[in-house]
Amino acid sequence: MGVRLMGIAAAVVGSGLLAGSVPLLAPKPALAQDSPVPFSAVRALNLARNTAIKMNGGLSVYRPAGCMFETASAGNQCLISTTDGYLFRFLGGVPGWQQLNIAPSVETEIRISSDGKSVLGVDYNGAPR
């Protein structure tokens, strides 16, 4: 039994995992970072989402699609175009519509200025097409 404990103790000491100690591990190489999302894109997403919420009766009766709560990066499925500002197209419906698999009741297409500070126009806000 004493030999077994000595073997475990040697393994712990050899690994650098003593109580109160920090393991000595080689640092991991840094991962490539995605390019940062411009602040204007974040502002544009927030303005588009909040405008749609107001147009459709507020959060007590309407929720935009989940993609309008995600990043404003180029991979966002609600961001259709960044030419001459930001063009968003997304669905919406009653609170919980996506989680409960309820059909959306509204589709919104909205254009936001390139600085993300103003609504250039609401091209569509109605029944899903």
N, C-alpha and C. Protein backbone atom coordinates (compact mmCIF):
# COMPACT_ATOMS: atom_id res chain seq x y z
N MET A 1 0.82 -1.19 0.00
CA MET A 1 0.00 0.00 0.00
C MET A 1 0.86 1.25 0.00
N GLY A 2 1.99 1.22 0.78
CA GLY A 2 2.88 2.37 0.86
C GLY A 2 3.50 2.69 -0.50
N VAL A 3 3.84 1.65 -1.27
CA VAL A 3 4.42 1.86 -2.59
C VAL A 3 3.40 2.51 -3.52
N ARG A 4 2.15 2.09 -3.39
CA ARG A 4 1.09 2.65 -4.25
C ARG A 4 0.91 4.14 -3.97
N LEU A 5 0.88 4.52 -2.69
CA LEU A 5 0.75 5.93 -2.33
C LEU A 5 1.94 6.73 -2.81
N MET A 6 3.10 6.16 -2.73
CA MET A 6 4.30 6.86 -3.19
C MET A 6 4.23 7.09 -4.69
N GLY A 7 3.69 6.11 -5.42
CA GLY A 7 3.56 6.26 -6.87
C GLY A 7 2.59 7.38 -7.23
N ILE A 8 1.48 7.47 -6.49
CA ILE A 8 0.51 8.54 -6.73
C ILE A 8 1.11 9.88 -6.37
N ALA A 9 1.81 9.93 -5.23
CA ALA A 9 2.43 11.17 -4.80
C ALA A 9 3.46 11.63 -5.82
N ALA A 10 4.22 10.72 -6.34
CA ALA A 10 5.23 11.08 -7.36
C ALA A 10 4.55 11.61 -8.62
N ALA A 11 3.42 11.01 -8.99
CA ALA A 11 2.71 11.46 -10.17
C ALA A 11 2.17 12.87 -9.96
N VAL A 12 1.64 13.16 -8.76
CA VAL A 12 1.10 14.48 -8.47
C VAL A 12 2.22 15.51 -8.46
N VAL A 13 3.32 15.19 -7.77
CA VAL A 13 4.45 16.12 -7.72
C VAL A 13 5.02 16.33 -9.12
N GLY A 14 5.16 15.26 -9.86
CA GLY A 14 5.72 15.36 -11.21
C GLY A 14 4.84 16.15 -12.15
N SER A 15 3.53 16.18 -11.89
CA SER A 15 2.63 16.90 -12.79
C SER A 15 2.53 18.37 -12.43
N GLY A 16 3.07 18.76 -11.27
CA GLY A 16 2.98 20.16 -10.86
C GLY A 16 1.62 20.50 -10.29
N LEU A 17 0.82 19.51 -9.85
CA LEU A 17 -0.53 19.75 -9.36
C LEU A 17 -0.60 19.64 -7.84
N LEU A 18 0.24 20.33 -7.13
CA LEU A 18 0.17 20.34 -5.68
C LEU A 18 -0.87 21.35 -5.25
N ALA A 19 -1.44 21.14 -4.06
CA ALA A 19 -2.44 22.06 -3.54
C ALA A 19 -1.86 23.47 -3.48
N GLY A 20 -2.60 24.42 -4.02
CA GLY A 20 -2.16 25.82 -3.99
C GLY A 20 -1.18 26.16 -5.09
N SER A 21 -0.83 25.23 -5.93
CA SER A 21 0.11 25.55 -7.00
C SER A 21 -0.63 25.71 -8.32
N VAL A 22 0.01 26.38 -9.21
CA VAL A 22 -0.54 26.56 -10.55
C VAL A 22 0.18 25.60 -11.47
N PRO A 23 -0.54 24.80 -12.23
CA PRO A 23 0.13 23.87 -13.13
C PRO A 23 0.98 24.63 -14.14
N LEU A 24 2.12 24.08 -14.41
CA LEU A 24 3.03 24.70 -15.38
C LEU A 24 2.74 24.11 -16.75
N LEU A 25 1.97 24.82 -17.51
CA LEU A 25 1.61 24.37 -18.84
C LEU A 25 2.13 25.36 -19.86
N ALA A 26 2.49 24.85 -20.99
CA ALA A 26 2.93 25.73 -22.06
C ALA A 26 1.73 26.53 -22.56
N PRO A 27 1.91 27.82 -22.84
CA PRO A 27 0.79 28.61 -23.33
C PRO A 27 0.31 28.10 -24.69
N LYS A 28 -1.00 28.18 -24.89
CA LYS A 28 -1.57 27.75 -26.16
C LYS A 28 -1.39 28.87 -27.17
N PRO A 29 -1.18 28.52 -28.42
CA PRO A 29 -1.06 29.56 -29.42
C PRO A 29 -2.38 30.31 -29.56
N ALA A 30 -2.30 31.60 -29.81
CA ALA A 30 -3.50 32.42 -29.98
C ALA A 30 -4.26 31.97 -31.22
N LEU A 31 -5.58 31.93 -31.09
CA LEU A 31 -6.42 31.57 -32.22
C LEU A 31 -6.66 32.81 -33.07
N ALA A 32 -6.83 32.60 -34.34
CA ALA A 32 -7.12 33.72 -35.22
C ALA A 32 -8.47 34.31 -34.83
N GLN A 33 -8.52 35.60 -34.67
CA GLN A 33 -9.75 36.27 -34.27
C GLN A 33 -10.48 36.76 -35.51
N ASP A 34 -11.82 36.72 -35.43
CA ASP A 34 -12.60 37.30 -36.50
C ASP A 34 -12.39 38.80 -36.46
N SER A 35 -12.50 39.42 -37.62
CA SER A 35 -12.35 40.87 -37.61
C SER A 35 -13.50 41.47 -36.82
N PRO A 36 -13.22 42.53 -36.08
CA PRO A 36 -14.26 43.11 -35.24
C PRO A 36 -15.42 43.68 -36.07
N VAL A 37 -16.60 43.61 -35.50
CA VAL A 37 -17.79 44.14 -36.15
C VAL A 37 -17.78 45.65 -35.94
N PRO A 38 -17.95 46.43 -37.01
CA PRO A 38 -17.97 47.89 -36.84
C PRO A 38 -19.09 48.32 -35.91
N PHE A 39 -18.83 49.35 -35.12
CA PHE A 39 -19.84 49.85 -34.19
C PHE A 39 -21.09 50.29 -34.93
N SER A 40 -20.92 50.82 -36.15
CA SER A 40 -22.09 51.25 -36.92
C SER A 40 -23.00 50.07 -37.26
N ALA A 41 -22.43 48.89 -37.44
CA ALA A 41 -23.23 47.69 -37.74
C ALA A 41 -24.04 47.27 -36.52
N VAL A 42 -23.42 47.36 -35.35
CA VAL A 42 -24.12 47.02 -34.11
C VAL A 42 -25.26 48.02 -33.90
N ARG A 43 -24.95 49.28 -34.07
CA ARG A 43 -25.96 50.33 -33.91
C ARG A 43 -27.11 50.13 -34.91
N ALA A 44 -26.78 49.79 -36.16
CA ALA A 44 -27.79 49.57 -37.20
C ALA A 44 -28.71 48.40 -36.85
N LEU A 45 -28.13 47.32 -36.37
CA LEU A 45 -28.92 46.15 -35.98
C LEU A 45 -29.88 46.52 -34.85
N ASN A 46 -29.38 47.22 -33.85
CA ASN A 46 -30.22 47.61 -32.72
C ASN A 46 -31.34 48.54 -33.16
N LEU A 47 -31.03 49.49 -34.03
CA LEU A 47 -32.04 50.43 -34.51
C LEU A 47 -33.10 49.71 -35.34
N ALA A 48 -32.69 48.81 -36.21
CA ALA A 48 -33.64 48.06 -37.03
C ALA A 48 -34.56 47.21 -36.15
N ARG A 49 -33.99 46.51 -35.20
CA ARG A 49 -34.78 45.66 -34.30
C ARG A 49 -35.76 46.49 -33.49
N ASN A 50 -35.29 47.58 -32.88
CA ASN A 50 -36.15 48.39 -32.03
C ASN A 50 -37.23 49.10 -32.83
N THR A 51 -36.93 49.49 -34.06
CA THR A 51 -37.93 50.12 -34.92
C THR A 51 -39.04 49.12 -35.24
N ALA A 52 -38.66 47.90 -35.57
CA ALA A 52 -39.65 46.86 -35.87
C ALA A 52 -40.50 46.56 -34.65
N ILE A 53 -39.89 46.51 -33.49
CA ILE A 53 -40.65 46.25 -32.26
C ILE A 53 -41.70 47.33 -32.04
N LYS A 54 -41.30 48.58 -32.22
CA LYS A 54 -42.25 49.69 -32.04
C LYS A 54 -43.36 49.65 -33.08
N MET A 55 -43.00 49.39 -34.35
CA MET A 55 -43.99 49.36 -35.43
C MET A 55 -45.01 48.25 -35.24
N ASN A 56 -44.61 47.17 -34.59
CA ASN A 56 -45.47 45.99 -34.48
C ASN A 56 -46.11 45.83 -33.11
N GLY A 57 -46.16 46.89 -32.33
CA GLY A 57 -46.94 46.87 -31.09
C GLY A 57 -46.19 46.68 -29.80
N GLY A 58 -44.86 46.58 -29.83
CA GLY A 58 -44.09 46.44 -28.60
C GLY A 58 -43.79 44.99 -28.24
N LEU A 59 -42.91 44.83 -27.27
CA LEU A 59 -42.46 43.50 -26.88
C LEU A 59 -43.53 42.63 -26.23
N SER A 60 -44.61 43.23 -25.76
CA SER A 60 -45.66 42.42 -25.13
C SER A 60 -46.45 41.62 -26.16
N VAL A 61 -46.38 42.04 -27.45
CA VAL A 61 -47.15 41.33 -28.48
C VAL A 61 -46.31 40.88 -29.67
N TYR A 62 -45.05 41.31 -29.74
CA TYR A 62 -44.23 41.03 -30.93
C TYR A 62 -42.78 40.76 -30.52
N ARG A 63 -42.18 39.78 -31.20
CA ARG A 63 -40.74 39.51 -31.04
C ARG A 63 -40.14 39.30 -32.43
N PRO A 64 -39.06 40.03 -32.73
CA PRO A 64 -38.37 39.78 -33.99
C PRO A 64 -37.59 38.46 -33.92
N ALA A 65 -37.20 37.97 -35.07
CA ALA A 65 -36.44 36.72 -35.16
C ALA A 65 -35.16 36.81 -34.32
N GLY A 66 -34.71 35.66 -33.87
CA GLY A 66 -33.51 35.58 -33.04
C GLY A 66 -32.27 36.19 -33.67
N CYS A 67 -32.20 36.17 -34.99
CA CYS A 67 -31.02 36.73 -35.66
C CYS A 67 -30.89 38.24 -35.41
N MET A 68 -31.97 38.89 -35.00
CA MET A 68 -31.91 40.31 -34.70
C MET A 68 -31.37 40.58 -33.29
N PHE A 69 -31.07 39.51 -32.56
CA PHE A 69 -30.46 39.65 -31.24
C PHE A 69 -29.03 39.13 -31.25
N GLU A 70 -28.53 38.75 -32.43
CA GLU A 70 -27.18 38.23 -32.57
C GLU A 70 -26.25 39.34 -33.06
N THR A 71 -25.05 38.98 -33.33
CA THR A 71 -24.07 39.94 -33.82
C THR A 71 -24.46 40.50 -35.18
N ALA A 72 -23.94 41.66 -35.48
CA ALA A 72 -24.22 42.30 -36.77
C ALA A 72 -23.15 41.94 -37.80
N SER A 73 -22.46 40.83 -37.61
CA SER A 73 -21.41 40.43 -38.54
C SER A 73 -22.01 40.02 -39.88
N ALA A 74 -21.16 39.89 -40.86
CA ALA A 74 -21.61 39.54 -42.21
C ALA A 74 -22.31 38.18 -42.25
N GLY A 75 -22.08 37.33 -41.28
CA GLY A 75 -22.70 36.02 -41.25
C GLY A 75 -24.14 36.01 -40.73
N ASN A 76 -24.63 37.14 -40.27
CA ASN A 76 -25.99 37.21 -39.73
C ASN A 76 -26.99 37.05 -40.87
N GLN A 77 -27.91 36.07 -40.74
CA GLN A 77 -28.86 35.78 -41.82
C GLN A 77 -29.89 36.89 -42.01
N CYS A 78 -30.05 37.79 -41.05
CA CYS A 78 -31.00 38.91 -41.20
C CYS A 78 -30.39 40.08 -41.97
N LEU A 79 -29.07 40.13 -42.02
CA LEU A 79 -28.39 41.21 -42.73
C LEU A 79 -28.29 40.83 -44.20
N ILE A 80 -29.06 41.53 -45.04
CA ILE A 80 -29.14 41.19 -46.46
C ILE A 80 -28.08 41.90 -47.28
N SER A 81 -27.80 43.15 -46.94
CA SER A 81 -26.86 43.94 -47.74
C SER A 81 -26.22 45.03 -46.89
N THR A 82 -24.98 45.38 -47.25
CA THR A 82 -24.30 46.51 -46.61
C THR A 82 -23.96 47.59 -47.64
N THR A 83 -24.60 47.53 -48.79
CA THR A 83 -24.39 48.54 -49.83
C THR A 83 -25.27 49.74 -49.51
N ASP A 84 -24.70 50.91 -49.45
CA ASP A 84 -25.44 52.14 -49.13
C ASP A 84 -26.19 52.03 -47.81
N GLY A 85 -25.54 51.54 -46.80
CA GLY A 85 -26.16 51.36 -45.49
C GLY A 85 -26.38 49.89 -45.21
N TYR A 86 -27.30 49.60 -44.33
CA TYR A 86 -27.59 48.23 -43.91
C TYR A 86 -29.03 47.89 -44.25
N LEU A 87 -29.22 46.75 -44.91
CA LEU A 87 -30.56 46.27 -45.23
C LEU A 87 -30.80 44.99 -44.44
N PHE A 88 -31.84 45.02 -43.60
CA PHE A 88 -32.21 43.86 -42.81
C PHE A 88 -33.56 43.34 -43.27
N ARG A 89 -33.69 42.03 -43.32
CA ARG A 89 -34.97 41.37 -43.61
C ARG A 89 -35.13 40.24 -42.60
N PHE A 90 -36.24 40.25 -41.88
CA PHE A 90 -36.42 39.25 -40.84
C PHE A 90 -37.90 39.05 -40.55
N LEU A 91 -38.18 37.91 -39.96
CA LEU A 91 -39.54 37.55 -39.57
C LEU A 91 -39.76 37.92 -38.11
N GLY A 92 -41.02 37.94 -37.71
CA GLY A 92 -41.37 38.21 -36.33
C GLY A 92 -42.73 37.61 -36.03
N GLY A 93 -43.09 37.62 -34.77
CA GLY A 93 -44.39 37.06 -34.39
C GLY A 93 -44.65 37.26 -32.92
N VAL A 94 -45.61 36.52 -32.41
CA VAL A 94 -45.96 36.62 -31.00
C VAL A 94 -44.77 36.18 -30.15
N PRO A 95 -44.68 36.68 -28.91
CA PRO A 95 -43.57 36.25 -28.06
C PRO A 95 -43.50 34.72 -27.97
N GLY A 96 -42.30 34.20 -28.19
CA GLY A 96 -42.07 32.76 -28.13
C GLY A 96 -42.35 32.03 -29.43
N TRP A 97 -42.64 32.74 -30.51
CA TRP A 97 -43.03 32.07 -31.76
C TRP A 97 -41.95 31.12 -32.25
N GLN A 98 -40.68 31.49 -32.17
CA GLN A 98 -39.63 30.60 -32.65
C GLN A 98 -39.45 29.39 -31.73
N GLN A 99 -39.46 29.62 -30.43
CA GLN A 99 -39.25 28.54 -29.47
C GLN A 99 -40.39 27.53 -29.50
N LEU A 100 -41.60 28.01 -29.78
CA LEU A 100 -42.78 27.14 -29.79
C LEU A 100 -43.14 26.64 -31.18
N ASN A 101 -42.30 26.94 -32.16
CA ASN A 101 -42.53 26.55 -33.55
C ASN A 101 -43.88 27.05 -34.09
N ILE A 102 -44.21 28.28 -33.75
CA ILE A 102 -45.41 28.93 -34.26
C ILE A 102 -45.01 29.71 -35.51
N ALA A 103 -45.85 29.70 -36.51
CA ALA A 103 -45.55 30.41 -37.75
C ALA A 103 -45.40 31.91 -37.47
N PRO A 104 -44.43 32.56 -38.12
CA PRO A 104 -44.30 34.01 -37.96
C PRO A 104 -45.50 34.72 -38.57
N SER A 105 -45.81 35.88 -38.03
CA SER A 105 -46.96 36.64 -38.54
C SER A 105 -46.56 37.90 -39.27
N VAL A 106 -45.28 38.29 -39.17
CA VAL A 106 -44.82 39.54 -39.78
C VAL A 106 -43.45 39.32 -40.42
N GLU A 107 -43.26 39.97 -41.55
CA GLU A 107 -41.93 40.06 -42.18
C GLU A 107 -41.60 41.54 -42.29
N THR A 108 -40.39 41.89 -41.92
CA THR A 108 -39.96 43.28 -41.96
C THR A 108 -38.70 43.39 -42.80
N GLU A 109 -38.68 44.39 -43.66
CA GLU A 109 -37.49 44.74 -44.43
C GLU A 109 -37.25 46.22 -44.17
N ILE A 110 -36.08 46.52 -43.61
CA ILE A 110 -35.80 47.89 -43.18
C ILE A 110 -34.37 48.29 -43.56
N ARG A 111 -34.23 49.52 -44.02
CA ARG A 111 -32.92 50.07 -44.42
C ARG A 111 -32.44 51.07 -43.37
N ILE A 112 -31.18 50.91 -42.96
CA ILE A 112 -30.57 51.76 -41.95
C ILE A 112 -29.35 52.45 -42.57
N SER A 113 -29.09 53.70 -42.19
CA SER A 113 -27.96 54.45 -42.72
C SER A 113 -26.64 53.76 -42.42
N SER A 114 -25.61 54.11 -43.19
CA SER A 114 -24.31 53.46 -43.03
C SER A 114 -23.65 53.76 -41.69
N ASP A 115 -24.04 54.85 -41.03
CA ASP A 115 -23.50 55.13 -39.70
C ASP A 115 -24.33 54.46 -38.61
N GLY A 116 -25.45 53.84 -38.99
CA GLY A 116 -26.30 53.12 -38.05
C GLY A 116 -27.19 54.00 -37.20
N LYS A 117 -27.26 55.30 -37.54
CA LYS A 117 -27.99 56.24 -36.67
C LYS A 117 -29.39 56.59 -37.12
N SER A 118 -29.77 56.24 -38.35
CA SER A 118 -31.11 56.63 -38.80
C SER A 118 -31.73 55.57 -39.72
N VAL A 119 -33.05 55.54 -39.68
CA VAL A 119 -33.82 54.65 -40.54
C VAL A 119 -33.99 55.34 -41.88
N LEU A 120 -33.50 54.71 -42.94
CA LEU A 120 -33.65 55.28 -44.29
C LEU A 120 -35.01 54.94 -44.87
N GLY A 121 -35.57 53.82 -44.45
CA GLY A 121 -36.88 53.45 -44.93
C GLY A 121 -37.28 52.06 -44.49
N VAL A 122 -38.57 51.88 -44.42
CA VAL A 122 -39.13 50.55 -44.16
C VAL A 122 -39.73 50.09 -45.48
N ASP A 123 -39.05 49.17 -46.14
CA ASP A 123 -39.49 48.71 -47.45
C ASP A 123 -40.68 47.77 -47.37
N TYR A 124 -40.77 47.05 -46.26
CA TYR A 124 -41.91 46.12 -46.12
C TYR A 124 -42.10 45.82 -44.64
N ASN A 125 -43.34 45.79 -44.21
CA ASN A 125 -43.70 45.36 -42.87
C ASN A 125 -45.11 44.81 -42.93
N GLY A 126 -45.22 43.52 -43.16
CA GLY A 126 -46.53 42.92 -43.32
C GLY A 126 -46.47 41.41 -43.22
N ALA A 127 -47.47 40.78 -43.76
CA ALA A 127 -47.54 39.31 -43.72
C ALA A 127 -46.31 38.71 -44.41
N PRO A 128 -45.81 37.60 -43.89
CA PRO A 128 -44.64 36.97 -44.52
C PRO A 128 -44.93 36.65 -45.99
N ARG A 129 -43.94 36.96 -46.80
CA ARG A 129 -44.08 36.73 -48.27
C ARG A 129 -43.58 35.37 -48.64
